[in-house]
C-alpha atoms as a PDB file:
ATOM      1  CA  MET A   1      90.465  66.878  85.102  1.00  0.00           C
ATOM      2  CA  PHE A   2      89.028  68.279  81.875  1.00  0.00           C
ATOM      3  CA  ASP A   3      86.930  70.839  83.776  1.00  0.00           C
ATOM      4  CA  SER A   4      89.933  72.492  85.477  1.00  0.00           C
ATOM      5  CA  CYS A   5      90.534  76.206  84.838  1.00  0.00           C
ATOM      6  CA  ALA A   6      92.443  77.035  81.676  1.00  0.00           C
ATOM      7  CA  THR A   7      95.600  79.155  81.794  1.00  0.00           C
ATOM      8  CA  ILE A   8      95.675  82.168  79.469  1.00  0.00           C
ATOM      9  CA  MET A   9      98.687  81.719  77.177  1.00  0.00           C
ATOM     10  CA  ALA A  10      99.904  83.202  73.912  1.00  0.00           C
ATOM     11  CA  PRO A  11      99.285  80.860  70.948  1.00  0.00           C
ATOM     12  CA  ASN A  12     102.286  78.941  69.640  1.00  0.00           C
ATOM     13  CA  GLY A  13     103.852  80.112  66.372  1.00  0.00           C
ATOM     14  CA  GLY A  14     103.125  83.159  64.280  1.00  0.00           C
ATOM     15  CA  PRO A  15     104.305  86.755  64.815  1.00  0.00           C
ATOM     16  CA  LYS A  16     104.485  88.153  68.311  1.00  0.00           C
ATOM     17  CA  ASP A  17     101.484  90.227  69.375  1.00  0.00           C
ATOM     18  CA  THR A  18     102.701  93.842  69.680  1.00  0.00           C
ATOM     19  CA  ILE A  19      99.299  95.550  69.358  1.00  0.00           C
ATOM     20  CA  PRO A  20      98.776  98.114  72.150  1.00  0.00           C
ATOM     21  CA  PRO A  21      95.723  97.565  74.375  1.00  0.00           C
ATOM     22  CA  VAL A  22      92.847 100.047  74.112  1.00  0.00           C
ATOM     23  CA  ILE A  23      89.687 100.729  76.089  1.00  0.00           C
ATOM     24  CA  LEU A  24      86.692  99.759  73.944  1.00  0.00           C
ATOM     25  CA  ASN A  25      83.869 100.966  76.200  1.00  0.00           C
ATOM     26  CA  PHE A  26      83.568 102.839  79.465  1.00  0.00           C
ATOM     27  CA  GLU A  27      80.976 104.208  81.881  1.00  0.00           C
ATOM     28  CA  PRO A  28      80.156 106.911  82.776  1.00  0.00           C
ATOM     29  CA  LYS A  29      80.539 108.721  79.479  1.00  0.00           C
ATOM     30  CA  ASN A  30      83.009 111.585  79.323  1.00  0.00           C
ATOM     31  CA  ASN A  31      81.644 114.937  80.587  1.00  0.00           C
ATOM     32  CA  THR A  32      78.735 113.305  82.424  1.00  0.00           C
ATOM     33  CA  LEU A  33      76.798 115.688  84.702  1.00  0.00           C
ATOM     34  CA  ASN A  34      74.832 114.895  87.884  1.00  0.00           C
ATOM     35  CA  TYR A  35      76.765 111.662  88.288  1.00  0.00           C
ATOM     36  CA  LYS A  36      75.097 109.506  90.974  1.00  0.00           C
ATOM     37  CA  SER A  37      76.546 106.038  90.421  1.00  0.00           C
ATOM     38  CA  GLY A  38      79.196 104.485  92.622  1.00  0.00           C
ATOM     39  CA  ASN A  39      81.526 103.000  90.052  1.00  0.00           C
ATOM     40  CA  ILE A  40      83.460 103.289  86.785  1.00  0.00           C
ATOM     41  CA  ILE A  41      83.474 100.484  84.206  1.00  0.00           C
ATOM     42  CA  LEU A  42      86.343  99.906  81.739  1.00  0.00           C
ATOM     43  CA  GLU A  43      86.203  97.283  78.987  1.00  0.00           C
ATOM     44  CA  PHE A  44      89.614  96.483  77.457  1.00  0.00           C
ATOM     45  CA  SER A  45      90.380  95.093  73.999  1.00  0.00           C
ATOM     46  CA  LYS A  46      92.652  92.391  75.451  1.00  0.00           C
ATOM     47  CA  PHE A  47      93.282  90.391  78.601  1.00  0.00           C
ATOM     48  CA  MET A  48      95.241  92.665  80.916  1.00  0.00           C
ATOM     49  CA  ASN A  49      97.989  92.506  83.521  1.00  0.00           C
ATOM     50  CA  LYS A  50      95.580  93.288  86.344  1.00  0.00           C
ATOM     51  CA  SER A  51      98.080  94.545  88.908  1.00  0.00           C
ATOM     52  CA  LYS A  52      99.730  96.910  86.397  1.00  0.00           C
ATOM     53  CA  VAL A  53      96.361  98.399  85.458  1.00  0.00           C
ATOM     54  CA  ILE A  54      95.465  99.025  89.092  1.00  0.00           C
ATOM     55  CA  GLU A  55      98.899 100.572  89.807  1.00  0.00           C
ATOM     56  CA  ASN A  56      98.282 103.175  87.091  1.00  0.00           C
ATOM     57  CA  ILE A  57      94.808 104.343  88.128  1.00  0.00           C
ATOM     58  CA  PHE A  58      94.354 107.650  89.904  1.00  0.00           C
ATOM     59  CA  ILE A  59      91.510 110.058  90.448  1.00  0.00           C
ATOM     60  CA  SER A  60      91.367 113.713  91.520  1.00  0.00           C
ATOM     61  CA  PRO A  61      90.047 114.655  94.040  1.00  0.00           C
ATOM     62  CA  SER A  62      91.291 111.482  95.710  1.00  0.00           C
ATOM     63  CA  VAL A  63      88.777 108.736  96.575  1.00  0.00           C
ATOM     64  CA  PRO A  64      89.478 105.271  98.075  1.00  0.00           C
ATOM     65  CA  LEU A  65      88.832 102.613  95.428  1.00  0.00           C
ATOM     66  CA  LYS A  66      88.001  98.914  95.183  1.00  0.00           C
ATOM     67  CA  PHE A  67      88.599  96.819  92.027  1.00  0.00           C
ATOM     68  CA  ASN A  68      86.562  93.945  90.583  1.00  0.00           C
ATOM     69  CA  TRP A  69      87.665  92.080  87.425  1.00  0.00           C
ATOM     70  CA  SER A  70      85.556  89.973  85.050  1.00  0.00           C
ATOM     71  CA  LYS A  71      87.584  88.746  82.056  1.00  0.00           C
ATOM     72  CA  LYS A  72      88.484  91.916  80.088  1.00  0.00           C
ATOM     73  CA  THR A  73      86.255  94.235  82.129  1.00  0.00           C
ATOM     74  CA  LEU A  74      87.254  96.184  85.247  1.00  0.00           C
ATOM     75  CA  GLU A  75      84.759  97.656  87.698  1.00  0.00           C
ATOM     76  CA  ILE A  76      86.208 100.447  89.875  1.00  0.00           C
ATOM     77  CA  VAL A  77      84.059 100.970  92.970  1.00  0.00           C
ATOM     78  CA  PHE A  78      84.167 104.129  95.109  1.00  0.00           C
ATOM     79  CA  ASN A  79      84.583 103.140  98.767  1.00  0.00           C
ATOM     80  CA  LYS A  80      83.489 106.597  99.911  1.00  0.00           C
ATOM     81  CA  ALA A  81      80.668 108.897  98.827  1.00  0.00           C
ATOM     82  CA  LEU A  82      81.731 111.497  96.265  1.00  0.00           C
ATOM     83  CA  GLN A  83      81.618 115.198  97.075  1.00  0.00           C
ATOM     84  CA  ASP A  84      78.611 117.195  95.909  1.00  0.00           C
ATOM     85  CA  THR A  85      78.915 119.618  92.952  1.00  0.00           C
ATOM     86  CA  THR A  86      82.483 118.477  92.247  1.00  0.00           C
ATOM     87  CA  THR A  87      84.284 117.711  88.998  1.00  0.00           C
ATOM     88  CA  TYR A  88      86.297 114.478  89.126  1.00  0.00           C
ATOM     89  CA  SER A  89      89.199 113.678  86.832  1.00  0.00           C
ATOM     90  CA  PHE A  90      89.923 109.961  86.353  1.00  0.00           C
ATOM     91  CA  GLN A  91      93.015 108.692  84.571  1.00  0.00           C
ATOM     92  CA  LEU A  92      94.593 105.395  83.630  1.00  0.00           C
ATOM     93  CA  GLY A  93      98.251 106.202  83.005  1.00  0.00           C
ATOM     94  CA  THR A  94     100.643 104.925  80.349  1.00  0.00           C
ATOM     95  CA  GLU A  95     102.580 102.305  82.332  1.00  0.00           C
ATOM     96  CA  TYR A  96      99.946  99.568  82.415  1.00  0.00           C
ATOM     97  CA  LEU A  97     100.355  96.373  80.354  1.00  0.00           C
ATOM     98  CA  ASP A  98      98.253  93.775  78.624  1.00  0.00           C
ATOM     99  CA  PHE A  99      98.846  90.082  79.403  1.00  0.00           C
ATOM    100  CA  LEU A 100     101.648  89.917  76.797  1.00  0.00           C
ATOM    101  CA  GLY A 101     103.457  93.024  78.044  1.00  0.00           C
ATOM    102  CA  ASN A 102     102.250  95.620  75.509  1.00  0.00           C
ATOM    103  CA  LYS A 103     101.830  99.212  76.690  1.00  0.00           C
ATOM    104  CA  PRO A 104      99.099 101.621  75.543  1.00  0.00           C
ATOM    105  CA  GLU A 105      99.939 104.462  73.183  1.00  0.00           C
ATOM    106  CA  LYS A 106      98.473 107.126  75.481  1.00  0.00           C
ATOM    107  CA  ALA A 107      96.801 107.663  78.829  1.00  0.00           C
ATOM    108  CA  PHE A 108      93.032 107.323  79.225  1.00  0.00           C
ATOM    109  CA  ASN A 109      91.250 110.352  80.693  1.00  0.00           C
ATOM    110  CA  LEU A 110      87.671 110.741  81.881  1.00  0.00           C
ATOM    111  CA  ILE A 111      85.958 113.650  83.624  1.00  0.00           C
ATOM    112  CA  PHE A 112      82.519 113.778  85.194  1.00  0.00           C
ATOM    113  CA  SER A 113      80.698 115.947  87.706  1.00  0.00           C
ATOM    114  CA  THR A 114      78.386 115.257  90.628  1.00  0.00           C
ATOM    115  CA  GLY A 115      76.814 118.671  89.964  1.00  0.00           C
ATOM    116  CA  GLN A 116      75.138 120.441  87.071  1.00  0.00           C
ATOM    117  CA  SER A 117      78.342 121.791  85.520  1.00  0.00           C
ATOM    118  CA  LEU A 118      81.943 120.790  84.816  1.00  0.00           C
ATOM    119  CA  ASP A 119      85.106 122.659  85.701  1.00  0.00           C
ATOM    120  CA  SER A 120      86.238 123.569  82.200  1.00  0.00           C
ATOM    121  CA  GLY A 121      89.898 124.492  82.661  1.00  0.00           C
ATOM    122  CA  SER A 122      92.183 122.780  80.156  1.00  0.00           C
ATOM    123  CA  ILE A 123      95.882 122.867  79.337  1.00  0.00           C
ATOM    124  CA  SER A 124      98.196 120.764  77.183  1.00  0.00           C
ATOM    125  CA  GLY A 125     101.897 120.523  76.507  1.00  0.00           C
ATOM    126  CA  LYS A 126     104.875 118.386  75.630  1.00  0.00           C
ATOM    127  CA  LEU A 127     107.652 116.878  77.695  1.00  0.00           C
ATOM    128  CA  TYR A 128     111.033 116.745  75.952  1.00  0.00           C
ATOM    129  CA  SER A 129     113.033 113.743  77.139  1.00  0.00           C
ATOM    130  CA  ASP A 130     114.904 110.757  75.691  1.00  0.00           C
ATOM    131  CA  LYS A 131     112.307 108.538  77.398  1.00  0.00           C
ATOM    132  CA  PRO A 132     109.199 110.578  78.236  1.00  0.00           C
ATOM    133  CA  ASP A 133     106.731 107.716  78.737  1.00  0.00           C
ATOM    134  CA  GLY A 134     105.856 107.103  82.363  1.00  0.00           C
ATOM    135  CA  VAL A 135     106.862 110.584  83.568  1.00  0.00           C
ATOM    136  CA  TYR A 136     104.179 112.398  85.582  1.00  0.00           C
ATOM    137  CA  ILE A 137     103.083 116.008  85.309  1.00  0.00           C
ATOM    138  CA  PHE A 138     102.026 117.421  88.699  1.00  0.00           C
ATOM    139  CA  ALA A 139      99.698 120.444  88.851  1.00  0.00           C
ATOM    140  CA  TYR A 140      99.426 122.489  92.062  1.00  0.00           C
ATOM    141  CA  ARG A 141      96.804 125.188  92.444  1.00  0.00           C
ATOM    142  CA  ILE A 142      98.537 128.106  94.169  1.00  0.00           C
ATOM    143  CA  ASP A 143      96.182 131.110  93.980  1.00  0.00           C
ATOM    144  CA  ASN A 144      94.671 130.187  97.359  1.00  0.00           C
ATOM    145  CA  ILE A 145      98.035 129.875  99.167  1.00  0.00           C
ATOM    146  CA  ASN A 146     101.294 131.775  99.498  1.00  0.00           C
ATOM    147  CA  PRO A 147     103.191 130.266  96.506  1.00  0.00           C
ATOM    148  CA  ASP A 148     106.498 130.557  98.374  1.00  0.00           C
ATOM    149  CA  THR A 149     105.229 128.038 100.936  1.00  0.00           C
ATOM    150  CA  LEU A 150     104.517 125.279  98.394  1.00  0.00           C
ATOM    151  CA  ASN A 151     106.652 122.231  99.197  1.00  0.00           C
ATOM    152  CA  PRO A 152     106.001 119.480  96.609  1.00  0.00           C
ATOM    153  CA  SER A 153     108.153 117.067  98.610  1.00  0.00           C
ATOM    154  CA  LYS A 154     105.521 117.198 101.380  1.00  0.00           C
ATOM    155  CA  VAL A 155     102.252 118.051  99.588  1.00  0.00           C
ATOM    156  CA  LYS A 156     100.590 115.955  96.882  1.00  0.00           C
ATOM    157  CA  ALA A 157      99.508 117.642  93.651  1.00  0.00           C
ATOM    158  CA  HIS A 158      95.878 118.649  93.198  1.00  0.00           C
ATOM    159  CA  TYR A 159      95.966 117.055  89.736  1.00  0.00           C
ATOM    160  CA  ARG A 160      98.403 114.811  87.911  1.00  0.00           C
ATOM    161  CA  THR A 161      98.658 113.105  84.562  1.00  0.00           C
ATOM    162  CA  GLN A 162     101.120 110.746  82.910  1.00  0.00           C
ATOM    163  CA  VAL A 163     103.054 111.248  79.697  1.00  0.00           C
ATOM    164  CA  GLY A 164     103.002 108.730  76.813  1.00  0.00           C
ATOM    165  CA  THR A 165     105.683 107.807  74.315  1.00  0.00           C
ATOM    166  CA  SER A 166     105.015 110.945  72.240  1.00  0.00           C
ATOM    167  CA  GLY A 167     105.740 113.236  75.193  1.00  0.00           C
ATOM    168  CA  GLU A 168     102.317 114.876  74.834  1.00  0.00           C
ATOM    169  CA  PHE A 169     100.096 115.449  77.874  1.00  0.00           C
ATOM    170  CA  GLN A 170      96.823 117.202  78.657  1.00  0.00           C
ATOM    171  CA  PHE A 171      94.770 118.207  81.689  1.00  0.00           C
ATOM    172  CA  ASN A 172      90.997 118.613  81.484  1.00  0.00           C
ATOM    173  CA  GLY A 173      88.394 119.478  84.096  1.00  0.00           C
ATOM    174  CA  LEU A 174      90.626 121.895  86.019  1.00  0.00           C
ATOM    175  CA  LYS A 175      89.247 124.540  88.324  1.00  0.00           C
ATOM    176  CA  MET A 176      89.974 128.046  87.093  1.00  0.00           C
ATOM    177  CA  GLY A 177      92.944 129.540  88.895  1.00  0.00           C
ATOM    178  CA  LYS A 178      96.717 129.856  89.037  1.00  0.00           C
ATOM    179  CA  TYR A 179      98.833 126.692  88.833  1.00  0.00           C
ATOM    180  CA  ARG A 180     102.427 125.553  89.158  1.00  0.00           C
ATOM    181  CA  PHE A 181     103.482 122.547  87.040  1.00  0.00           C
ATOM    182  CA  PHE A 182     106.294 120.022  87.526  1.00  0.00           C
ATOM    183  CA  ALA A 183     107.518 117.065  85.454  1.00  0.00           C
ATOM    184  CA  VAL A 184     108.541 114.212  87.787  1.00  0.00           C
ATOM    185  CA  ASP A 185     109.645 110.634  87.182  1.00  0.00           C
ATOM    186  CA  ASP A 186     108.404 109.774  90.732  1.00  0.00           C
ATOM    187  CA  LYS A 187     110.609 106.756  91.352  1.00  0.00           C
ATOM    188  CA  PHE A 188     108.848 105.829  94.613  1.00  0.00           C
ATOM    189  CA  LYS A 189     105.316 106.271  93.171  1.00  0.00           C
ATOM    190  CA  ASP A 190     104.349 108.220  96.297  1.00  0.00           C
ATOM    191  CA  GLU A 191     102.920 111.255  94.423  1.00  0.00           C
ATOM    192  CA  LEU A 192     105.597 113.470  96.005  1.00  0.00           C
ATOM    193  CA  ILE A 193     108.809 114.967  94.629  1.00  0.00           C
ATOM    194  CA  ASP A 194     112.011 113.559  96.116  1.00  0.00           C
ATOM    195  CA  PHE A 195     114.559 116.080  94.886  1.00  0.00           C
ATOM    196  CA  ASN A 196     117.443 113.738  95.776  1.00  0.00           C
ATOM    197  CA  SER A 197     116.293 110.834  93.595  1.00  0.00           C
ATOM    198  CA  ASP A 198     113.559 111.999  91.197  1.00  0.00           C
ATOM    199  CA  GLN A 199     114.310 113.634  87.888  1.00  0.00           C
ATOM    200  CA  VAL A 200     112.284 116.833  87.979  1.00  0.00           C
ATOM    201  CA  SER A 201     111.729 120.138  86.214  1.00  0.00           C
ATOM    202  CA  SER A 202     109.187 122.938  86.451  1.00  0.00           C
ATOM    203  CA  ALA A 203     107.457 125.152  83.933  1.00  0.00           C
ATOM    204  CA  ASN A 204     109.297 128.441  83.428  1.00  0.00           C
ATOM    205  CA  LYS A 205     106.363 130.336  84.939  1.00  0.00           C
ATOM    206  CA  ASP A 206     103.142 129.812  86.878  1.00  0.00           C
ATOM    207  CA  ILE A 207     100.137 129.558  84.577  1.00  0.00           C
ATOM    208  CA  ILE A 208      96.640 130.980  85.004  1.00  0.00           C
ATOM    209  CA  ILE A 209      93.974 128.544  83.824  1.00  0.00           C
ATOM    210  CA  SER A 210      91.020 130.343  82.238  1.00  0.00           C
ATOM    211  CA  ASN A 211      88.707 129.804  79.278  1.00  0.00           C
ATOM    212  CA  LYS A 212      91.674 130.510  77.007  1.00  0.00           C
ATOM    213  CA  LYS A 213      93.519 127.437  75.732  1.00  0.00           C
ATOM    214  CA  GLU A 214      97.070 127.257  77.100  1.00  0.00           C
ATOM    215  CA  ARG A 215     100.075 125.151  76.146  1.00  0.00           C
ATOM    216  CA  PHE A 216     103.594 124.840  77.560  1.00  0.00           C
ATOM    217  CA  ASN A 217     106.679 122.650  77.261  1.00  0.00           C
ATOM    218  CA  LEU A 218     108.884 120.971  79.845  1.00  0.00           C
ATOM    219  CA  ARG A 219     112.297 119.329  79.743  1.00  0.00           C
ATOM    220  CA  ILE A 220     113.094 116.762  82.416  1.00  0.00           C
ATOM    221  CA  GLY A 221     116.143 117.482  84.592  1.00  0.00           C
ATOM    222  CA  ASN A 222     118.501 115.459  86.760  1.00  0.00           C
ATOM    223  CA  PRO A 223     117.956 114.860  90.489  1.00  0.00           C
ATOM    224  CA  ILE A 224     119.196 117.647  92.767  1.00  0.00           C
ATOM    225  CA  ASP A 225     121.583 116.339  95.407  1.00  0.00           C
ATOM    226  CA  ASN A 226     121.070 118.562  98.456  1.00  0.00           C
ATOM    227  CA  LEU A 227     122.066 115.966 101.053  1.00  0.00           C
ATOM    228  CA  ALA A 228     125.332 116.670 102.832  1.00  0.00           C
ATOM    229  CA  PRO A 229     127.827 113.784 102.920  1.00  0.00           C
ATOM    230  CA  THR A 230     128.057 111.917 106.213  1.00  0.00           C
ATOM    231  CA  LEU A 231     130.842 109.856 107.759  1.00  0.00           C
ATOM    232  CA  THR A 232     129.642 106.238 107.780  1.00  0.00           C
ATOM    233  CA  ASN A 233     132.681 104.384 109.114  1.00  0.00           C
ATOM    234  CA  ALA A 234     136.299 104.795 110.227  1.00  0.00           C
ATOM    235  CA  ILE A 235     138.864 102.004 110.521  1.00  0.00           C
ATOM    236  CA  SER A 236     142.303 102.194 112.094  1.00  0.00           C
ATOM    237  CA  ILE A 237     144.840 100.737 109.652  1.00  0.00           C
ATOM    238  CA  ASN A 238     147.917 101.359 111.771  1.00  0.00           C
ATOM    239  CA  GLN A 239     149.235 103.893 114.283  1.00  0.00           C
ATOM    240  CA  ARG A 240     149.546 106.558 111.568  1.00  0.00           C
ATOM    241  CA  LYS A 241     146.616 105.795 109.209  1.00  0.00           C
ATOM    242  CA  ILE A 242     142.825 105.806 109.512  1.00  0.00           C
ATOM    243  CA  ALA A 243     140.519 104.811 106.622  1.00  0.00           C
ATOM    244  CA  VAL A 244     137.447 107.036 106.594  1.00  0.00           C
ATOM    245  CA  MET A 245     134.281 106.157 104.576  1.00  0.00           C
ATOM    246  CA  PHE A 246     131.597 108.640 103.544  1.00  0.00           C
ATOM    247  CA  SER A 247     128.039 108.178 102.298  1.00  0.00           C
ATOM    248  CA  GLU A 248     128.975 109.577  98.862  1.00  0.00           C
ATOM    249  CA  ASP A 249     131.950 110.744  96.801  1.00  0.00           C
ATOM    250  CA  THR A 250     133.625 113.853  98.210  1.00  0.00           C
ATOM    251  CA  LEU A 251     136.206 116.343  96.978  1.00  0.00           C
END
């Protein structure tokens, strides 16, 4: 009976723990070149809500991942070989929680390359919103396509990052080129823009990423309702009246 597993619980009494979790150590180191390993290691300062951490992990280019926990340490294993001479951008977003429900102050970013050099494109900015934390910034590279054909409701972004409570965000390790940026609250967490339900806005212009440092601002907008109303039901009340119901309010 005394050898049974202990349950992790907050101690009784005293002030509530409101300290944000941080990552104490990680591997590989940021800006690592010729990366050959098959995993990423994160050591947290506190016991974490494991499912919330995993929900907020993403990597560009996309790679299938497997997760192994040991106390406060998470091993992220690549289930597929990485591409040669490619810069990878790994991020743990701002919506993950420790065991007591505390959020981090900012996203964690890590870039590394399987080749001898890193893509060095970088851009930063600020999202203006009453509640910016948790909003995603999607970045689409458009210099290799006809920009008029980009449909972010069907195509996932080449890169994405998540905004913290300050509204600040930053992309590192971008390929040089021309990009289109969107701020999206991504309610369905499907990495696509649903214009009928997601709050969304775009930068006021497409931006060329070069060796020059760039910065831009965004302000989140309301969902765009472009669905036509439909008749959902009709009921005969009497010989002269029919009650008609629509899918949304109509004029």
